[in-house]
């Protein structure tokens, strides 16, 4: 076996082990949350030591961030498997995401806590969230433009606000759901909010004008 083939084999094994750890972390944090889920729990699932998990990710905070990135990647892969394209059908994907999130409260908790902390300067998760929101706004903006073109809507001034509003409402509903899951139906409320914002762009209501007074 050559040095190059040995290097490739080691890199493949390292990638496989990292993925195994991430899957265990999704399960652990998804059921126990970020505070109660420990690196020792994850290490036990994958047959490693606590130090072994740290060797791959450096810290629990780094692992939490990579869990969110892994969730994003696997959600998109699941979207592709269902052959749901971009454009207006992106709104269906957002509803589906809310349904999936209702089954993994711990991961939603990780997302909510890290997103709030990321607004501070030099937070390690700041870049992830800045780039994530920029990408999502861009995707939702594109979906709105396609939908408006299909429906013959020519006034596109509200699209930027609508794209940001959908993301804000979804994240806000997640927070309310985490605090009181018996009261908030996350998938149903998310679908209602998305439909309301989409309909508001296609058939805008009269301006209230209260802020002008």
Protein backbone atom coordinates (compact mmCIF):
# COMPACT_ATOMS: atom_id res chain seq x y z
CA UNK A 1 0.00 0.00 0.00
CA UNK A 2 1.43 3.37 -1.04
CA UNK A 3 1.70 6.42 1.21
CA UNK A 4 -0.96 8.17 -0.85
CA UNK A 5 -3.44 5.33 -0.57
CA UNK A 6 -2.75 5.10 3.15
CA UNK A 7 -3.42 8.85 3.50
CA UNK A 8 -6.67 8.57 1.56
CA UNK A 9 -7.80 5.62 3.64
CA UNK A 10 -7.08 7.52 6.86
CA UNK A 11 -8.98 10.57 5.62
CA UNK A 12 -11.96 8.41 4.67
CA UNK A 13 -11.91 6.76 8.10
CA UNK A 14 -11.70 10.15 9.79
CA UNK A 15 -14.65 11.45 7.75
CA UNK A 16 -16.64 8.32 8.54
CA UNK A 17 -15.95 8.66 12.26
CA UNK A 18 -16.88 12.37 12.25
CA UNK A 19 -20.18 11.57 10.56
CA UNK A 20 -20.83 8.81 13.09
CA UNK A 21 -20.20 11.28 15.93
CA UNK A 22 -22.45 13.91 14.33
CA UNK A 23 -25.31 11.41 13.98
CA UNK A 24 -24.92 10.42 17.63
CA UNK A 25 -24.79 14.09 18.62
CA UNK A 26 -28.00 14.84 16.70
CA UNK A 27 -29.72 12.04 18.60
CA UNK A 28 -28.26 13.06 21.97
CA UNK A 29 -28.81 16.80 21.69
CA UNK A 30 -32.13 16.23 19.94
CA UNK A 31 -33.53 14.34 22.92
CA UNK A 32 -31.61 15.81 25.85
CA UNK A 33 -30.78 19.32 24.68
CA UNK A 34 -27.39 20.99 24.68
CA UNK A 35 -27.17 21.39 28.46
CA UNK A 36 -28.08 17.84 29.48
CA UNK A 37 -26.54 16.04 26.52
CA UNK A 38 -22.86 15.41 27.22
CA UNK A 39 -19.82 14.48 25.18
CA UNK A 40 -19.58 11.35 27.31
CA UNK A 41 -23.08 10.33 26.14
CA UNK A 42 -22.02 10.76 22.53
CA UNK A 43 -18.69 9.00 23.03
CA UNK A 44 -20.46 5.99 24.53
CA UNK A 45 -22.76 5.70 21.51
CA UNK A 46 -19.88 5.59 19.04
CA UNK A 47 -17.54 3.45 21.14
CA UNK A 48 -15.02 6.20 21.79
CA UNK A 49 -13.64 8.09 24.74
CA UNK A 50 -14.52 11.66 25.69
CA UNK A 51 -11.02 12.63 24.55
CA UNK A 52 -11.60 10.92 21.22
CA UNK A 53 -14.65 13.08 20.50
CA UNK A 54 -12.67 16.20 21.46
CA UNK A 55 -9.91 15.09 19.10
CA UNK A 56 -12.32 15.35 16.18
CA UNK A 57 -14.18 18.54 17.16
CA UNK A 58 -12.05 20.40 19.70
CA UNK A 59 -14.86 21.47 22.03
CA UNK A 60 -18.53 20.91 22.77
CA UNK A 61 -19.34 24.34 21.31
CA UNK A 62 -17.65 23.40 18.01
CA UNK A 63 -19.57 20.13 17.97
CA UNK A 64 -22.87 21.96 18.55
CA UNK A 65 -22.15 24.26 15.62
CA UNK A 66 -21.22 21.38 13.34
CA UNK A 67 -24.39 19.56 14.39
CA UNK A 68 -26.41 22.51 13.05
CA UNK A 69 -24.43 22.49 9.80
CA UNK A 70 -24.93 18.73 9.52
CA UNK A 71 -28.67 19.17 10.10
CA UNK A 72 -28.80 21.78 7.33
CA UNK A 73 -26.98 19.49 4.91
CA UNK A 74 -29.09 16.42 5.63
CA UNK A 75 -32.33 18.41 5.44
CA UNK A 76 -31.36 19.63 1.97
CA UNK A 77 -30.40 16.09 0.95
CA UNK A 78 -33.82 14.91 2.12
CA UNK A 79 -35.40 17.66 0.06
CA UNK A 80 -33.55 16.52 -3.05
CA UNK A 81 -34.59 12.91 -2.46
CA UNK A 82 -38.23 13.99 -2.53
CA UNK A 83 -37.58 15.76 -5.84
CA UNK A 84 -38.89 19.08 -4.56
CA UNK A 85 -37.23 21.82 -6.64
CA UNK A 86 -36.45 25.36 -5.62
CA UNK A 87 -38.70 28.27 -6.50
CA UNK A 88 -42.21 28.48 -4.99
CA UNK A 89 -42.02 24.90 -3.70
CA UNK A 90 -39.41 26.17 -1.26
CA UNK A 91 -42.32 27.29 0.90
CA UNK A 92 -43.44 23.64 1.14
CA UNK A 93 -39.94 22.74 2.26
CA UNK A 94 -40.10 25.36 5.03
CA UNK A 95 -43.32 23.82 6.32
CA UNK A 96 -41.74 20.36 6.14
CA UNK A 97 -38.75 21.67 8.11
CA UNK A 98 -41.08 22.93 10.85
CA UNK A 99 -42.65 19.45 11.00
CA UNK A 100 -39.20 17.82 11.31
CA UNK A 101 -38.09 20.31 13.96
CA UNK A 102 -41.13 19.48 16.08
CA UNK A 103 -39.63 15.99 16.40
CA UNK A 104 -36.18 17.16 17.55
CA UNK A 105 -36.68 19.79 20.28
CA UNK A 106 -33.12 19.50 21.53
CA UNK A 107 -31.68 20.50 18.15
CA UNK A 108 -34.11 23.43 17.97
CA UNK A 109 -32.92 24.42 21.45
CA UNK A 110 -29.29 24.33 20.30
CA UNK A 111 -30.17 26.48 17.28
CA UNK A 112 -32.13 29.00 19.34
CA UNK A 113 -29.47 29.40 22.02
CA UNK A 114 -26.54 29.67 19.60
CA UNK A 115 -28.39 32.06 17.27
CA UNK A 116 -29.10 34.40 20.18
CA UNK A 117 -25.50 34.22 21.43
CA UNK A 118 -24.11 34.78 17.94
CA UNK A 119 -25.15 38.45 17.92
CA UNK A 120 -22.22 39.18 20.27
CA UNK A 121 -18.90 40.18 18.76
CA UNK A 122 -16.38 37.43 17.99
CA UNK A 123 -18.79 34.61 18.85
CA UNK A 124 -17.63 31.43 17.03
CA UNK A 125 -21.14 30.84 15.63
CA UNK A 126 -21.58 34.38 14.27
CA UNK A 127 -20.26 33.64 10.78
CA UNK A 128 -22.44 30.54 10.47
CA UNK A 129 -25.63 32.44 11.29
CA UNK A 130 -24.78 35.50 9.19
CA UNK A 131 -24.14 33.28 6.16
CA UNK A 132 -27.13 31.06 6.88
CA UNK A 133 -29.60 33.92 7.05
CA UNK A 134 -28.12 35.58 3.97
CA UNK A 135 -28.49 32.33 2.01
CA UNK A 136 -32.04 31.70 3.23
CA UNK A 137 -33.16 35.27 2.48
CA UNK A 138 -31.72 34.91 -1.00
CA UNK A 139 -33.50 31.59 -1.57
CA UNK A 140 -36.84 32.83 -0.23
CA UNK A 141 -36.49 36.05 -2.23
CA UNK A 142 -35.99 33.99 -5.40
CA UNK A 143 -39.01 31.83 -4.59
CA UNK A 144 -41.15 34.94 -4.16
CA UNK A 145 -39.98 36.39 -7.48
CA UNK A 146 -40.90 33.18 -9.31
CA UNK A 147 -44.27 33.03 -7.59
CA UNK A 148 -45.02 36.67 -8.39
CA UNK A 149 -44.09 36.08 -12.02
CA UNK A 150 -46.46 33.09 -12.19
CA UNK A 151 -49.30 35.04 -10.59
CA UNK A 152 -48.80 38.21 -12.62
CA UNK A 153 -47.85 40.32 -9.61
CA UNK A 154 -45.68 43.23 -10.72
CA UNK A 155 -45.23 45.12 -7.44
CA UNK A 156 -42.13 43.46 -6.00
CA UNK A 157 -41.35 46.07 -3.34
CA UNK A 158 -42.50 43.85 -0.47
CA UNK A 159 -40.39 40.80 -1.37
CA UNK A 160 -37.33 41.74 0.69
CA UNK A 161 -39.48 42.36 3.77
CA UNK A 162 -41.47 39.16 3.17
CA UNK A 163 -38.33 37.02 2.90
CA UNK A 164 -36.95 38.34 6.19
CA UNK A 165 -40.38 38.12 7.84
CA UNK A 166 -40.86 34.42 7.04
CA UNK A 167 -37.52 33.53 8.65
CA UNK A 168 -38.22 35.75 11.67
CA UNK A 169 -41.67 34.25 12.23
CA UNK A 170 -40.40 30.68 11.95
CA UNK A 171 -37.60 31.28 14.45
CA UNK A 172 -39.93 33.20 16.77
CA UNK A 173 -42.46 30.38 16.72
CA UNK A 174 -39.69 27.92 17.58
CA UNK A 175 -38.85 29.97 20.66
CA UNK A 176 -42.49 30.09 21.79
CA UNK A 177 -42.83 26.36 21.13
CA UNK A 178 -39.75 25.55 23.22
CA UNK A 179 -41.20 27.57 26.10
CA UNK A 180 -44.72 26.13 25.86
CA UNK A 181 -45.01 23.17 23.46
CA UNK A 182 -48.50 22.29 24.70
CA UNK A 183 -49.85 25.62 23.49
CA UNK A 184 -47.93 26.12 20.25
CA UNK A 185 -48.44 23.69 17.37
CA UNK A 186 -45.16 24.37 15.59
CA UNK A 187 -45.93 22.88 12.14
CA UNK A 188 -49.47 24.28 11.97
CA UNK A 189 -48.49 27.74 13.19
CA UNK A 190 -45.51 27.84 10.81
CA UNK A 191 -47.70 26.87 7.85
CA UNK A 192 -50.28 29.52 8.81
CA UNK A 193 -47.59 32.20 9.06
CA UNK A 194 -45.97 31.26 5.74
CA UNK A 195 -49.33 31.18 3.95
CA UNK A 196 -50.28 34.54 5.45
CA UNK A 197 -47.05 36.21 4.35
CA UNK A 198 -47.20 34.67 0.86
CA UNK A 199 -50.83 35.76 0.46
CA UNK A 200 -49.90 39.20 1.73
CA UNK A 201 -47.39 39.59 -1.09
CA UNK A 202 -49.78 38.27 -3.76
CA UNK A 203 -52.82 40.19 -2.43
CA UNK A 204 -51.52 43.00 -0.21
CA UNK A 205 -53.90 44.44 2.36
CA UNK A 206 -54.32 48.22 2.74
CA UNK A 207 -51.55 49.85 4.74
CA UNK A 208 -52.47 50.53 8.35
CA UNK A 209 -50.35 53.63 8.45
CA UNK A 210 -50.23 53.77 12.23
CA UNK A 211 -46.48 54.29 12.22
CA UNK A 212 -46.96 57.51 10.19
CA UNK A 213 -48.96 59.25 12.90
